[in-house]
Protein backbone atom coordinates (compact mmCIF):
# COMPACT_ATOMS: atom_id res chain seq x y z
CA MET A 1 -29.59 -6.73 13.25
CA LEU A 2 -28.63 -7.63 9.70
CA ASP A 3 -26.00 -10.32 10.20
CA LEU A 4 -23.43 -9.65 7.50
CA ALA A 5 -20.19 -9.76 9.45
CA THR A 6 -18.35 -12.68 10.95
CA ALA A 7 -16.24 -12.30 14.09
CA PRO A 8 -13.90 -9.26 14.01
CA GLY A 9 -10.62 -10.00 12.31
CA VAL A 10 -11.92 -12.98 10.34
CA ARG A 11 -11.74 -12.53 6.58
CA ALA A 12 -13.52 -14.80 4.11
CA HIS A 13 -11.55 -14.37 0.90
CA LYS A 14 -13.83 -16.68 -1.03
CA PRO A 15 -16.69 -14.63 -2.52
CA ASP A 16 -19.85 -14.98 -0.44
CA LYS A 17 -23.02 -14.50 -2.51
CA LEU A 18 -25.22 -14.15 0.58
CA ARG A 19 -22.95 -11.43 1.90
CA GLU A 20 -23.12 -9.63 -1.44
CA LEU A 21 -26.91 -9.83 -1.38
CA GLY A 22 -26.88 -8.48 2.17
CA ILE A 23 -24.88 -5.46 1.03
CA MET A 24 -27.37 -4.86 -1.78
CA SER A 25 -30.21 -5.03 0.74
CA LEU A 26 -28.46 -2.53 3.01
CA ASN A 27 -28.15 -0.07 0.15
CA GLY A 28 -31.92 -0.19 -0.28
CA MET A 29 -32.66 0.50 3.38
CA PHE A 30 -31.52 4.12 3.62
CA ASP A 31 -32.62 7.41 2.17
CA GLU A 32 -30.07 8.95 -0.15
CA MET A 33 -29.29 11.79 2.25
CA ASP A 34 -29.38 9.88 5.53
CA GLY A 35 -25.64 9.88 6.15
CA VAL A 36 -25.80 9.77 9.94
CA ALA A 37 -28.16 6.78 9.85
CA VAL A 38 -25.80 4.97 7.43
CA LEU A 39 -22.88 5.60 9.75
CA ARG A 40 -24.85 4.58 12.84
CA GLN A 41 -25.92 1.34 11.13
CA ALA A 42 -22.30 0.54 10.35
CA VAL A 43 -21.00 1.44 13.81
CA GLU A 44 -23.73 0.00 16.02
CA GLU A 45 -25.11 -2.93 14.01
CA LEU A 46 -23.00 -4.03 11.08
CA LEU A 47 -19.38 -3.80 12.27
CA VAL A 48 -19.43 -3.32 16.02
CA ASP A 49 -15.90 -2.52 17.27
CA ASP A 50 -14.59 -3.51 13.84
CA LEU A 51 -14.76 -0.25 11.89
CA ALA A 52 -12.21 2.48 11.17
CA ILE A 53 -12.76 6.01 9.85
CA VAL A 54 -10.41 7.33 7.18
CA SER A 55 -10.25 11.10 6.70
CA SER A 56 -8.07 13.37 4.60
CA PHE A 57 -8.97 16.39 6.78
CA GLY A 58 -9.51 18.14 3.47
CA ALA A 59 -12.06 20.66 2.25
CA ASP A 60 -15.19 18.61 3.03
CA SER A 61 -13.92 16.44 5.87
CA SER A 62 -15.68 18.37 8.61
CA VAL A 63 -19.08 17.00 7.51
CA LEU A 64 -18.14 13.33 7.86
CA LEU A 65 -16.21 13.98 11.07
CA HIS A 66 -19.17 15.85 12.55
CA MET A 67 -21.29 12.76 11.82
CA VAL A 68 -18.65 10.64 13.55
CA SER A 69 -18.81 12.89 16.60
CA GLU A 70 -22.61 12.51 16.64
CA VAL A 71 -22.38 8.71 16.63
CA ASN A 72 -19.25 8.02 18.72
CA LYS A 73 -16.44 10.50 19.45
CA ASP A 74 -14.09 7.64 20.39
CA LEU A 75 -14.10 5.92 17.00
CA PRO A 76 -10.62 5.50 15.50
CA VAL A 77 -10.08 8.17 12.83
CA TYR A 78 -7.05 7.56 10.61
CA PHE A 79 -5.30 10.50 8.98
CA LEU A 80 -2.65 9.81 6.33
CA GLU A 81 0.19 12.09 7.39
CA THR A 82 2.18 11.81 4.17
CA GLY A 83 4.78 14.39 5.12
CA LYS A 84 3.67 16.45 2.12
CA HIS A 85 0.59 18.23 3.50
CA PHE A 86 0.01 21.96 3.57
CA PRO A 87 0.74 23.42 7.03
CA GLU A 88 -2.88 24.64 6.97
CA THR A 89 -4.09 21.02 6.76
CA LEU A 90 -2.12 20.04 9.86
CA GLU A 91 -3.62 23.03 11.68
CA TYR A 92 -7.08 21.96 10.50
CA VAL A 93 -6.58 18.52 12.02
CA GLU A 94 -6.10 20.09 15.42
CA THR A 95 -9.03 22.50 14.92
CA LEU A 96 -11.48 19.71 14.11
CA LYS A 97 -10.22 17.47 16.91
CA ARG A 98 -10.78 20.27 19.37
CA GLN A 99 -14.13 21.54 18.06
CA LEU A 100 -15.73 18.13 17.46
CA GLY A 101 -14.26 16.45 20.54
CA LEU A 102 -12.68 13.61 18.59
CA THR A 103 -10.58 11.58 21.00
CA ASN A 104 -8.95 8.94 18.79
CA VAL A 105 -7.35 10.59 15.75
CA ILE A 106 -4.40 8.47 14.60
CA ALA A 107 -1.74 9.74 12.17
CA LEU A 108 -0.44 7.14 9.71
CA THR A 109 3.04 7.87 8.39
CA PRO A 110 4.96 6.13 5.59
CA ASP A 111 7.61 3.57 6.43
CA SER A 112 10.91 5.42 6.84
CA LYS A 113 12.70 2.58 5.05
CA ASP A 114 10.43 3.00 2.01
CA ILE A 115 11.06 6.75 1.97
CA LEU A 116 14.83 6.21 2.17
CA ARG A 117 14.69 3.58 -0.54
CA PHE A 118 12.25 5.14 -3.02
CA ASP A 119 12.14 8.85 -2.25
CA PRO A 120 15.36 9.91 -0.49
CA LYS A 121 15.24 13.42 -1.99
CA GLY A 122 11.50 13.90 -1.37
CA ASP A 123 10.82 14.66 -5.04
CA LEU A 124 9.27 11.39 -6.21
CA TRP A 125 5.96 13.21 -6.69
CA GLU A 126 7.51 15.13 -9.59
CA THR A 127 8.45 12.09 -11.66
CA ASP A 128 6.24 9.28 -10.37
CA PRO A 129 3.18 10.49 -8.43
CA ASP A 130 1.54 7.04 -8.50
CA SER A 131 4.49 5.52 -6.66
CA CYS A 132 4.63 8.48 -4.28
CA CYS A 133 0.98 7.87 -3.36
CA HIS A 134 1.67 4.16 -3.04
CA ILE A 135 4.38 4.46 -0.40
CA ARG A 136 2.91 7.47 1.41
CA LYS A 137 -0.78 6.52 1.39
CA THR A 138 -1.69 3.06 0.13
CA GLU A 139 0.80 0.98 2.09
CA PRO A 140 0.33 2.74 5.46
CA LEU A 141 -3.45 2.53 5.10
CA ASP A 142 -3.37 -1.13 4.01
CA ALA A 143 -1.48 -1.97 7.19
CA ALA A 144 -3.85 0.04 9.39
CA VAL A 145 -7.16 -1.28 8.05
CA SER A 146 -6.03 -4.89 7.76
CA GLY A 147 -7.29 -5.49 11.28
CA TYR A 148 -10.77 -4.09 10.61
CA GLY A 149 -13.81 -5.59 8.95
CA GLY A 150 -14.67 -2.27 7.34
CA TRP A 151 -13.81 1.38 6.99
CA VAL A 152 -15.61 4.66 6.39
CA THR A 153 -14.71 7.13 3.65
CA GLY A 154 -15.85 10.65 2.77
CA ARG A 155 -16.26 10.00 -0.95
CA LYS A 156 -19.18 11.48 -2.85
CA ARG A 157 -20.78 10.68 -6.20
CA TYR A 158 -20.49 14.18 -7.63
CA GLN A 159 -16.72 14.39 -7.23
CA THR A 160 -15.67 12.46 -10.34
CA LYS A 161 -17.20 10.45 -13.15
CA GLU A 162 -15.65 7.29 -11.69
CA ARG A 163 -17.46 7.88 -8.39
CA GLY A 164 -20.82 8.47 -10.07
CA VAL A 165 -22.13 5.00 -9.14
CA LEU A 166 -20.91 5.05 -5.55
CA PRO A 167 -23.29 3.27 -3.09
CA HIS A 168 -23.56 3.69 0.68
CA PHE A 169 -22.07 0.24 1.26
CA GLU A 170 -19.48 -1.59 -0.84
CA LEU A 171 -18.00 -5.05 -0.53
CA THR A 172 -14.36 -5.05 -1.64
CA SER A 173 -12.70 -8.10 -3.12
CA ASP A 174 -11.01 -8.99 0.17
CA ASP A 175 -14.45 -9.15 1.85
CA ARG A 176 -14.25 -5.89 3.75
CA ILE A 177 -17.15 -3.48 3.84
CA LYS A 178 -16.55 0.10 2.77
CA VAL A 179 -19.06 2.63 4.08
CA ASN A 180 -19.73 5.92 2.24
CA PRO A 181 -22.19 8.01 4.31
CA LEU A 182 -21.81 11.04 2.01
CA ALA A 183 -22.22 9.15 -1.26
CA TYR A 184 -25.36 11.04 -2.33
CA PHE A 185 -24.40 14.49 -0.97
CA SER A 186 -24.01 17.24 -3.57
CA ASP A 187 -21.64 20.18 -3.26
CA ALA A 188 -24.62 22.32 -2.17
CA ASP A 189 -25.59 19.70 0.45
CA ILE A 190 -22.09 19.82 1.90
CA THR A 191 -22.22 23.61 2.14
CA THR A 192 -25.67 23.53 3.75
CA TYR A 193 -24.54 20.97 6.33
CA LYS A 194 -21.47 23.03 7.25
CA LEU A 195 -23.58 26.15 7.76
CA LYS A 196 -26.23 24.30 9.76
CA TYR A 197 -23.71 23.03 12.31
CA GLY A 198 -21.26 25.93 12.20
CA LEU A 199 -18.38 23.78 10.99
CA PRO A 200 -15.04 25.49 10.32
CA GLU A 201 -13.77 25.65 6.74
CA HIS A 202 -10.37 24.37 5.78
CA PRO A 203 -8.13 27.48 5.77
CA LEU A 204 -7.35 27.00 2.06
CA TYR A 205 -10.92 26.51 0.85
CA ASN A 206 -11.71 30.21 0.40
CA LYS A 207 -8.43 30.64 -1.44
CA GLY A 208 -9.73 28.44 -4.27
CA TYR A 209 -8.63 24.99 -3.13
CA LYS A 210 -11.82 22.91 -3.44
CA SER A 211 -10.24 19.48 -3.04
CA ILE A 212 -7.15 19.39 -0.87
CA GLY A 213 -4.50 16.70 -0.79
CA CYS A 214 -0.72 16.87 -0.58
CA ALA A 215 0.71 20.32 -1.26
CA PRO A 216 2.87 19.47 -4.31
CA CYS A 217 -0.05 17.83 -6.16
CA THR A 218 -2.88 20.26 -5.29
CA SER A 219 -3.69 23.51 -7.09
CA VAL A 220 -6.38 26.18 -7.10
CA VAL A 221 -9.63 25.32 -8.93
CA ALA A 222 -11.08 27.92 -11.32
CA GLU A 223 -14.74 28.93 -11.30
CA GLY A 224 -16.83 26.24 -13.02
CA GLU A 225 -14.12 23.56 -12.88
CA ASP A 226 -14.66 20.12 -11.38
CA PRO A 227 -13.85 20.39 -7.63
CA ARG A 228 -11.12 17.78 -8.04
CA ALA A 229 -9.58 19.40 -11.11
CA GLY A 230 -6.82 20.77 -8.91
CA ARG A 231 -5.62 17.33 -7.90
CA TRP A 232 -2.69 16.08 -10.01
CA ARG A 233 -3.43 18.78 -12.58
CA GLY A 234 -2.17 17.95 -16.05
CA LEU A 235 -1.67 14.28 -15.27
CA ASN A 236 -3.76 11.26 -16.23
CA LYS A 237 -4.43 10.59 -12.56
CA LYS A 238 -7.64 10.98 -10.57
CA GLU A 239 -7.17 8.84 -7.47
CA CYS A 240 -4.35 8.22 -5.02
CA GLY A 241 -4.96 4.47 -5.06
CA ILE A 242 -6.50 3.81 -1.64
CA HIS A 243 -10.08 3.41 -2.93
CA PHE A 244 -11.74 0.65 -4.86
CA ASP A 245 -15.30 0.72 -6.13
CA PHE A 246 -17.30 -2.38 -6.96
CA ASN A 247 -17.07 -1.38 -10.63
CA GLY A 248 -13.30 -1.77 -10.51
CA ALA A 249 -12.73 1.60 -12.16
CA ILE A 250 -10.87 3.40 -9.39
CA ALA A 251 -7.97 1.39 -8.03
CA LYS A 252 -6.77 -2.03 -6.99
CA PRO A 253 -8.57 -3.54 -4.01
CA MET A 254 -6.55 -4.46 -0.97
CA ALA A 255 -6.67 -8.21 -1.62
CA ALA A 256 -4.39 -10.26 0.58
CA GLN A 257 -4.32 -13.08 -1.94
CA GLU A 258 -2.66 -10.74 -4.46
CA LEU A 259 0.28 -10.02 -2.17
CA THR A 260 3.17 -12.26 -3.23
CA LEU A 261 6.21 -10.39 -1.87
CA PHE A 262 7.32 -11.67 1.54
CA LYS A 263 9.54 -9.16 3.28
CA ASP A 264 10.28 -8.21 6.90
CA GLY A 265 8.05 -11.00 8.19
CA ALA A 266 4.89 -10.31 6.17
CA PHE A 267 3.39 -10.38 2.70
CA VAL A 268 3.36 -6.81 1.42
CA ALA A 269 2.37 -4.87 -1.70
CA ASP A 270 5.01 -5.12 -4.39
CA PRO A 271 5.74 -1.86 -6.24
CA PHE A 272 7.88 -3.66 -8.85
CA ARG A 273 6.87 -5.43 -12.03
CA ALA A 274 8.68 -7.50 -14.64
CA TRP A 275 10.26 -6.03 -17.75
CA THR A 276 8.09 -6.38 -20.85
CA GLU A 277 8.90 -6.04 -24.52
CA GLY A 278 8.45 -2.47 -25.65
CA ASP A 279 9.42 -0.88 -22.32
CA ASP A 280 11.43 2.32 -22.74
CA PRO A 281 14.73 2.06 -20.81
CA ALA A 282 14.83 5.84 -20.37
CA SER A 283 11.42 6.19 -18.73
CA VAL A 284 10.36 2.82 -17.29
CA ARG A 285 9.79 2.80 -13.53
CA TYR A 286 9.62 0.22 -10.72
CA THR A 287 10.68 -2.51 -13.13
CA HIS A 288 13.28 -5.25 -12.78
CA VAL A 289 15.44 -4.75 -15.87
CA PRO A 290 17.12 -7.96 -17.10
CA LEU A 291 20.90 -7.70 -16.77
CA PRO A 292 21.56 -8.08 -20.54
CA VAL A 293 19.01 -5.33 -21.26
CA PHE A 294 20.76 -3.06 -18.77
CA LEU A 295 24.13 -3.67 -20.43
CA GLU A 296 22.65 -2.83 -23.85
CA ASN A 297 21.00 0.36 -22.56
CA ARG A 298 23.32 1.32 -19.72
CA GLU A 299 23.47 5.07 -20.32
CA ALA A 300 19.72 5.45 -20.78
CA ILE A 301 18.96 3.44 -17.64
CA LEU A 302 21.54 5.27 -15.54
CA SER A 303 19.95 8.56 -16.66
CA ASN A 304 16.40 7.33 -15.96
CA PRO A 305 15.16 9.30 -12.89
CA HIS A 306 12.76 6.58 -11.67
CA PRO A 307 13.40 3.80 -9.14
CA LEU A 308 14.47 0.60 -10.92
CA GLY A 309 15.47 -2.96 -10.16
CA LEU A 310 17.82 -5.46 -11.82
CA LEU A 311 16.93 -9.04 -12.79
CA VAL A 312 19.77 -11.59 -12.60
CA SER A 313 19.13 -14.92 -14.28
CA PRO A 314 21.27 -18.09 -14.46
CA GLY A 315 24.25 -17.45 -16.73
CA ASP A 316 24.33 -13.68 -16.12
CA ASN A 317 27.71 -12.31 -15.08
CA VAL A 318 27.06 -9.98 -12.13
CA GLU A 319 30.68 -8.82 -12.25
CA LEU A 320 29.75 -6.78 -15.33
CA VAL A 321 27.41 -4.55 -13.30
CA GLN A 322 29.53 -4.30 -10.16
CA ALA A 323 30.13 -0.57 -10.57
CA ASP A 324 26.44 0.21 -11.12
CA LEU A 325 24.79 -1.79 -8.34
CA GLY A 326 24.00 1.36 -6.37
CA ARG A 327 21.61 2.40 -9.16
CA PHE A 328 19.13 -0.34 -8.24
CA ALA A 329 16.65 -0.25 -5.36
CA SER A 330 16.07 -3.99 -5.74
CA ILE A 331 17.87 -6.93 -7.34
CA ALA A 332 15.82 -10.00 -8.25
CA ILE A 333 17.61 -13.36 -8.44
CA ASN A 334 15.77 -15.67 -10.80
CA PHE A 335 15.34 -19.33 -9.91
CA PRO A 336 13.70 -20.77 -13.06
CA ALA A 337 13.60 -24.28 -11.58
CA PHE A 338 13.93 -25.82 -8.13
CA GLY A 339 17.08 -27.70 -9.11
CA ASP A 340 18.91 -24.71 -10.59
CA GLY A 341 21.19 -23.43 -7.85
CA ARG A 342 23.17 -20.83 -9.78
CA GLY A 343 21.15 -18.05 -8.17
CA TYR A 344 22.70 -18.82 -4.77
CA SER A 345 26.16 -18.03 -6.14
CA SER A 346 24.96 -14.79 -7.73
CA SER A 347 23.38 -13.71 -4.47
CA ARG A 348 26.52 -14.40 -2.45
CA LEU A 349 28.65 -12.47 -4.92
CA LEU A 350 26.32 -9.49 -4.73
CA ALA A 351 25.98 -9.50 -0.95
CA GLU A 352 29.45 -10.60 0.17
CA ARG A 353 31.94 -9.64 -2.52
CA TYR A 354 30.29 -6.54 -3.95
CA GLY A 355 28.58 -5.34 -0.76
CA TYR A 356 25.10 -4.74 -2.18
CA LYS A 357 22.88 -3.49 0.69
CA GLY A 358 19.48 -3.07 -1.01
CA GLU A 359 16.61 -5.47 -1.42
CA LEU A 360 17.86 -8.82 -2.72
CA ARG A 361 14.83 -10.86 -3.68
CA ALA A 362 14.28 -14.39 -4.93
CA VAL A 363 11.84 -14.84 -7.82
CA GLY A 364 10.72 -17.79 -9.92
CA ASP A 365 10.40 -21.28 -8.47
CA VAL A 366 10.65 -20.26 -4.80
CA LEU A 367 9.62 -23.13 -2.52
CA HIS A 368 9.54 -23.90 1.19
CA ASP A 369 12.81 -25.89 1.39
CA GLN A 370 14.85 -23.23 -0.44
CA ILE A 371 14.16 -20.16 1.64
CA SER A 372 16.50 -20.91 4.54
CA HIS A 373 19.35 -21.44 2.05
CA MET A 374 18.39 -18.27 0.20
CA ARG A 375 18.53 -16.27 3.41
CA ARG A 376 21.98 -17.67 4.17
CA CYS A 377 23.12 -16.36 0.80
CA GLY A 378 21.93 -12.82 1.48
CA MET A 379 18.39 -12.78 0.07
CA ASN A 380 15.97 -10.79 2.23
CA ALA A 381 12.75 -10.83 0.18
CA PHE A 382 10.88 -13.58 -1.64
CA VAL A 383 8.20 -13.56 -4.33
CA VAL A 384 6.11 -16.60 -3.43
CA LYS A 385 3.17 -17.98 -5.41
CA HIS A 386 3.30 -21.56 -4.11
CA GLU A 387 0.42 -21.77 -1.60
CA PRO A 388 2.00 -24.29 0.88
CA THR A 389 5.10 -22.09 0.99
CA ARG A 390 2.94 -19.01 1.60
CA LYS A 391 1.26 -20.74 4.53
CA ALA A 392 4.59 -21.85 6.00
CA LEU A 393 5.95 -18.31 5.82
CA GLU A 394 2.82 -16.82 7.36
CA ALA A 395 2.93 -19.37 10.19
CA GLY A 396 6.69 -19.05 10.72
CA LYS A 397 7.16 -22.78 10.15
CA LEU A 398 10.08 -22.94 7.75
CA ALA A 399 12.65 -25.69 8.13
CA LEU A 400 15.93 -24.43 9.61
CA VAL A 401 19.40 -25.40 8.43
CA ASP A 402 22.07 -25.39 11.12
CA ILE A 403 24.71 -27.88 9.89
CA PHE A 404 26.80 -26.85 6.89
CA TYR A 405 29.21 -28.39 4.42
CA GLN A 406 29.78 -25.04 2.73
CA PRO A 407 29.88 -22.17 5.26
CA VAL A 408 28.59 -18.68 4.53
CA GLY A 409 30.14 -15.57 6.03
CA LEU A 410 31.85 -15.65 9.43
CA THR A 411 29.15 -17.32 11.53
CA GLU A 412 29.09 -20.81 10.02
CA VAL A 413 31.55 -23.67 10.54
CA PRO A 414 31.63 -26.55 8.04
CA LEU A 415 30.89 -30.14 9.00
CA GLY A 416 34.02 -32.13 9.73
CA THR A 417 35.95 -29.51 11.68
CA ARG A 418 35.51 -29.03 15.43
CA PRO A 419 32.24 -30.87 16.22
CA PHE A 420 31.11 -28.47 18.96
CA LEU A 421 31.25 -25.59 16.44
CA ARG A 422 29.18 -27.24 13.71
CA ARG A 423 26.08 -25.23 14.48
CA ALA A 424 25.84 -21.68 13.31
CA VAL A 425 26.57 -19.13 16.00
CA GLU A 426 23.26 -17.43 15.34
CA ASN A 427 21.40 -20.68 16.06
CA ALA A 428 23.41 -21.80 19.08
């Protein structure tokens, strides 16, 4: 056995040169077309009980899933049920489960809160397909594979120029192993394999759909076109964002150390970015717009169809945007320095006086001792780059504050009144 993996669930985020060399050695061990042997090596030797299968149940998925059934029918197979699939794809899932005897197909669905927040009308794919893929595919898959040391994909070299250097085994930047049993298969090889084992075609394949994803972003491919030409046709987009090759050309890796947004008890991917000079107020998306910039460009920003956030810095008058708070999916309160407490007042005004119910996040100099106070003032998300604070949040070891000189809301009683009521009701 080639010992590349540590115990399941353990991730070494520091680059390991020996591990990288081991991956290179693995890629030299297998014949280009020996997909079943690659998969068996991963399942039985490399990542025992620590490997997930990811399948789109698209046009070519039956080949990989047949290999899975040959190796172990009980392997977990994750299907991204985005809520935007063709009905024929959902039927195909059931057909392959039944015909191949797969016993552990798991549907991953997007977080309902993310859908309500970012795509309440279900039309985000029209204006911002990258963000649609992010909330419907990338985030659900990140959460699912975080507990595995590796995962198997159905990608192939011939599909796109970016995949032309795809190996059988990849090491992503967060030290997981990605396995690509079909890397060297050509379109003709896929067809031959299907015929050899009598595998059913996707119902849309013979109608001209050669690469099948979500219904709104998939179209028929003409004779002679690239098989993936029908995906996101007319857009400068080739991948949904869940894949990362060692050459860095496809998408961001799922690197835990890059996750700085702490929300709902965990560090999660952050769809928002900061405003930069040159951004167009009428078309910018998933950006925290500084409050003065919003006031200068109010009509353009209110007409902008994309999800946006608002950045409130010390000295900004939040009363000026009271009527427009519902426009923003997120409001970031800037703490430029530990000793600058003006952000607490802004947060309380937004949450208590103006009734803002969306994401209220703290950004800037966010440290361990501040977070309990920030939560008291209505903040429910925190962008944290300070490593000791990150560790305290991950371990649930933040200091609590339960005696108050200045009460917040209806649950706190200030020091100096009735002594037996000094502690917050929620902490009693």
